[in-house]
Amino acid sequence: MALFKKRTAGKPGEWYYCLEHRKVEEGPECPAKDRFGPYASPEAAGHAMETARERNAQWETDPRWHDTPGTGPREG
């Protein structure tokens, strides 16, 4: 008798984009470290890389994430 049951993250009806296999998957097919999600639909999961690129671009141009020298909390 095992002390702990092996659990997988995710469940059917949740969609993921697998970074290793470069495909949309339903439920927990691949390890969490290899996927983006969950997404509400397979179409949204299919656009995962585009969504990530857009979010990265927003982050790179967001002044809240790039302190001006002398104004950040790490000055000291």
N, C-alpha and C. Protein backbone atom coordinates (compact mmCIF):
# COMPACT_ATOMS: atom_id res chain seq x y z
N MET A 1 0.84 -1.19 0.00
CA MET A 1 0.00 0.00 0.00
C MET A 1 0.88 1.25 0.00
N ALA A 2 0.66 2.11 -0.95
CA ALA A 2 1.44 3.34 -1.06
C ALA A 2 0.96 4.37 -0.05
N LEU A 3 1.90 5.09 0.50
CA LEU A 3 1.54 6.15 1.45
C LEU A 3 0.94 7.35 0.75
N PHE A 4 1.43 7.64 -0.43
CA PHE A 4 0.97 8.81 -1.17
C PHE A 4 0.52 8.39 -2.56
N LYS A 5 -0.60 8.92 -2.98
CA LYS A 5 -1.05 8.67 -4.35
C LYS A 5 -0.34 9.64 -5.28
N LYS A 6 0.05 9.15 -6.43
CA LYS A 6 0.63 10.03 -7.43
C LYS A 6 -0.48 10.86 -8.05
N ARG A 7 -0.39 12.16 -7.91
CA ARG A 7 -1.40 13.06 -8.47
C ARG A 7 -0.83 13.81 -9.65
N THR A 8 -1.65 14.04 -10.61
CA THR A 8 -1.25 14.86 -11.74
C THR A 8 -2.02 16.17 -11.67
N ALA A 9 -1.41 17.23 -12.08
CA ALA A 9 -2.08 18.53 -12.09
C ALA A 9 -2.96 18.63 -13.31
N GLY A 10 -4.03 19.35 -13.19
CA GLY A 10 -4.93 19.54 -14.31
C GLY A 10 -6.01 18.48 -14.34
N LYS A 11 -6.99 18.71 -15.19
CA LYS A 11 -8.09 17.75 -15.31
C LYS A 11 -8.72 17.89 -16.68
N PRO A 12 -9.48 16.92 -17.11
CA PRO A 12 -10.14 17.03 -18.40
C PRO A 12 -10.99 18.28 -18.47
N GLY A 13 -11.01 18.91 -19.62
CA GLY A 13 -11.73 20.17 -19.79
C GLY A 13 -10.83 21.38 -19.64
N GLU A 14 -9.61 21.15 -19.15
CA GLU A 14 -8.60 22.21 -19.10
C GLU A 14 -7.63 21.95 -20.25
N TRP A 15 -7.26 23.00 -20.92
CA TRP A 15 -6.41 22.87 -22.11
C TRP A 15 -5.04 23.47 -21.83
N TYR A 16 -4.03 22.83 -22.36
CA TYR A 16 -2.64 23.25 -22.15
C TYR A 16 -1.90 23.26 -23.48
N TYR A 17 -0.81 24.01 -23.51
CA TYR A 17 0.09 23.97 -24.66
C TYR A 17 1.38 23.34 -24.17
N CYS A 18 1.76 22.20 -24.74
CA CYS A 18 2.99 21.52 -24.35
C CYS A 18 4.17 22.14 -25.10
N LEU A 19 5.13 22.63 -24.34
CA LEU A 19 6.31 23.27 -24.92
C LEU A 19 7.26 22.24 -25.54
N GLU A 20 7.27 21.03 -25.00
CA GLU A 20 8.16 20.00 -25.53
C GLU A 20 7.65 19.43 -26.85
N HIS A 21 6.36 19.12 -26.89
CA HIS A 21 5.78 18.50 -28.09
C HIS A 21 5.18 19.51 -29.06
N ARG A 22 5.08 20.76 -28.62
CA ARG A 22 4.52 21.85 -29.43
C ARG A 22 3.12 21.51 -29.93
N LYS A 23 2.27 21.10 -28.97
CA LYS A 23 0.89 20.77 -29.34
C LYS A 23 -0.05 21.08 -28.18
N VAL A 24 -1.32 21.21 -28.51
CA VAL A 24 -2.38 21.44 -27.54
C VAL A 24 -2.77 20.11 -26.93
N GLU A 25 -2.94 20.10 -25.61
CA GLU A 25 -3.31 18.88 -24.90
C GLU A 25 -4.46 19.16 -23.96
N GLU A 26 -5.33 18.19 -23.79
CA GLU A 26 -6.41 18.31 -22.81
C GLU A 26 -6.01 17.55 -21.55
N GLY A 27 -6.16 18.22 -20.43
CA GLY A 27 -5.84 17.55 -19.17
C GLY A 27 -4.34 17.37 -18.97
N PRO A 28 -3.97 16.58 -18.00
CA PRO A 28 -2.55 16.42 -17.64
C PRO A 28 -1.83 15.36 -18.45
N GLU A 29 -1.38 15.70 -19.63
CA GLU A 29 -0.63 14.73 -20.42
C GLU A 29 0.87 14.83 -20.16
N CYS A 30 1.39 16.04 -20.07
CA CYS A 30 2.83 16.25 -19.87
C CYS A 30 3.06 16.93 -18.52
N PRO A 31 4.29 16.85 -18.00
CA PRO A 31 4.60 17.49 -16.72
C PRO A 31 4.35 19.00 -16.77
N ALA A 32 4.01 19.57 -15.64
CA ALA A 32 3.71 21.00 -15.55
C ALA A 32 4.88 21.86 -16.02
N LYS A 33 6.09 21.38 -15.81
CA LYS A 33 7.27 22.17 -16.22
C LYS A 33 7.36 22.34 -17.73
N ASP A 34 6.64 21.52 -18.47
CA ASP A 34 6.72 21.55 -19.93
C ASP A 34 5.49 22.14 -20.60
N ARG A 35 4.64 22.84 -19.84
CA ARG A 35 3.41 23.32 -20.47
C ARG A 35 2.98 24.68 -19.95
N PHE A 36 2.21 25.37 -20.79
CA PHE A 36 1.53 26.62 -20.43
C PHE A 36 0.07 26.27 -20.23
N GLY A 37 -0.58 26.95 -19.31
CA GLY A 37 -2.02 26.74 -19.12
C GLY A 37 -2.35 26.66 -17.65
N PRO A 38 -3.59 26.42 -17.36
CA PRO A 38 -4.65 25.97 -18.24
C PRO A 38 -5.32 27.10 -19.00
N TYR A 39 -5.90 26.77 -20.12
CA TYR A 39 -6.67 27.69 -20.95
C TYR A 39 -8.10 27.19 -21.02
N ALA A 40 -9.03 28.08 -21.32
CA ALA A 40 -10.45 27.74 -21.34
C ALA A 40 -10.85 26.94 -22.58
N SER A 41 -10.06 27.03 -23.64
CA SER A 41 -10.44 26.35 -24.88
C SER A 41 -9.18 25.87 -25.60
N PRO A 42 -9.34 24.92 -26.51
CA PRO A 42 -8.18 24.48 -27.29
C PRO A 42 -7.65 25.59 -28.20
N GLU A 43 -8.52 26.48 -28.64
CA GLU A 43 -8.08 27.59 -29.49
C GLU A 43 -7.17 28.52 -28.71
N ALA A 44 -7.56 28.84 -27.47
CA ALA A 44 -6.72 29.72 -26.63
C ALA A 44 -5.38 29.05 -26.35
N ALA A 45 -5.37 27.75 -26.08
CA ALA A 45 -4.12 27.04 -25.84
C ALA A 45 -3.25 27.03 -27.09
N GLY A 46 -3.87 26.97 -28.25
CA GLY A 46 -3.14 26.98 -29.50
C GLY A 46 -2.41 28.29 -29.76
N HIS A 47 -2.86 29.36 -29.11
CA HIS A 47 -2.23 30.68 -29.25
C HIS A 47 -1.31 30.99 -28.07
N ALA A 48 -0.93 29.99 -27.31
CA ALA A 48 -0.14 30.19 -26.09
C ALA A 48 1.18 30.91 -26.35
N MET A 49 1.88 30.53 -27.39
CA MET A 49 3.18 31.16 -27.66
C MET A 49 3.00 32.62 -28.07
N GLU A 50 1.97 32.90 -28.85
CA GLU A 50 1.67 34.28 -29.24
C GLU A 50 1.30 35.12 -28.01
N THR A 51 0.49 34.54 -27.15
CA THR A 51 0.10 35.23 -25.91
C THR A 51 1.32 35.52 -25.06
N ALA A 52 2.23 34.56 -24.95
CA ALA A 52 3.45 34.75 -24.16
C ALA A 52 4.31 35.85 -24.76
N ARG A 53 4.45 35.88 -26.08
CA ARG A 53 5.23 36.95 -26.73
C ARG A 53 4.62 38.32 -26.45
N GLU A 54 3.29 38.41 -26.53
CA GLU A 54 2.62 39.69 -26.27
C GLU A 54 2.82 40.13 -24.83
N ARG A 55 2.69 39.20 -23.89
CA ARG A 55 2.87 39.54 -22.48
C ARG A 55 4.31 39.94 -22.19
N ASN A 56 5.27 39.25 -22.81
CA ASN A 56 6.68 39.61 -22.62
C ASN A 56 6.94 41.02 -23.15
N ALA A 57 6.38 41.36 -24.30
CA ALA A 57 6.56 42.70 -24.86
C ALA A 57 5.95 43.75 -23.95
N GLN A 58 4.78 43.45 -23.40
CA GLN A 58 4.15 44.40 -22.47
C GLN A 58 5.02 44.60 -21.23
N TRP A 59 5.56 43.52 -20.70
CA TRP A 59 6.40 43.60 -19.53
C TRP A 59 7.67 44.41 -19.83
N GLU A 60 8.27 44.17 -20.98
CA GLU A 60 9.51 44.86 -21.32
C GLU A 60 9.32 46.35 -21.50
N THR A 61 8.12 46.80 -21.84
CA THR A 61 7.88 48.23 -22.04
C THR A 61 7.11 48.87 -20.90
N ASP A 62 6.82 48.12 -19.83
CA ASP A 62 6.07 48.65 -18.69
C ASP A 62 7.02 49.36 -17.74
N PRO A 63 6.84 50.68 -17.56
CA PRO A 63 7.76 51.43 -16.70
C PRO A 63 7.69 50.99 -15.24
N ARG A 64 6.62 50.35 -14.81
CA ARG A 64 6.53 49.89 -13.42
C ARG A 64 7.54 48.80 -13.12
N TRP A 65 8.03 48.10 -14.14
CA TRP A 65 8.98 47.02 -13.93
C TRP A 65 10.42 47.45 -14.17
N HIS A 66 10.61 48.68 -14.60
CA HIS A 66 11.96 49.18 -14.88
C HIS A 66 12.14 50.50 -14.15
N ASP A 67 12.66 50.41 -12.94
CA ASP A 67 12.84 51.60 -12.12
C ASP A 67 13.88 52.53 -12.73
N THR A 68 13.62 53.82 -12.58
CA THR A 68 14.60 54.82 -12.96
C THR A 68 15.67 54.85 -11.87
N PRO A 69 16.96 54.92 -12.24
CA PRO A 69 18.00 54.94 -11.22
C PRO A 69 17.74 56.03 -10.18
N GLY A 70 17.88 55.65 -8.91
CA GLY A 70 17.67 56.60 -7.82
C GLY A 70 16.26 56.63 -7.29
N THR A 71 15.32 55.93 -7.94
CA THR A 71 13.94 55.97 -7.45
C THR A 71 13.44 54.62 -6.98
N GLY A 72 14.20 53.58 -7.21
CA GLY A 72 13.75 52.24 -6.87
C GLY A 72 13.92 51.91 -5.40
N PRO A 73 13.22 50.91 -4.91
CA PRO A 73 13.31 50.54 -3.50
C PRO A 73 14.65 49.89 -3.13
N ARG A 74 15.45 49.52 -4.11
CA ARG A 74 16.71 48.84 -3.83
C ARG A 74 17.89 49.80 -3.64
N GLU A 75 17.63 51.08 -3.78
CA GLU A 75 18.69 52.07 -3.58
C GLU A 75 19.03 52.11 -2.10
N GLY A 76 20.30 52.29 -1.79
CA GLY A 76 20.56 52.36 -0.36
C GLY A 76 21.94 52.53 -0.07
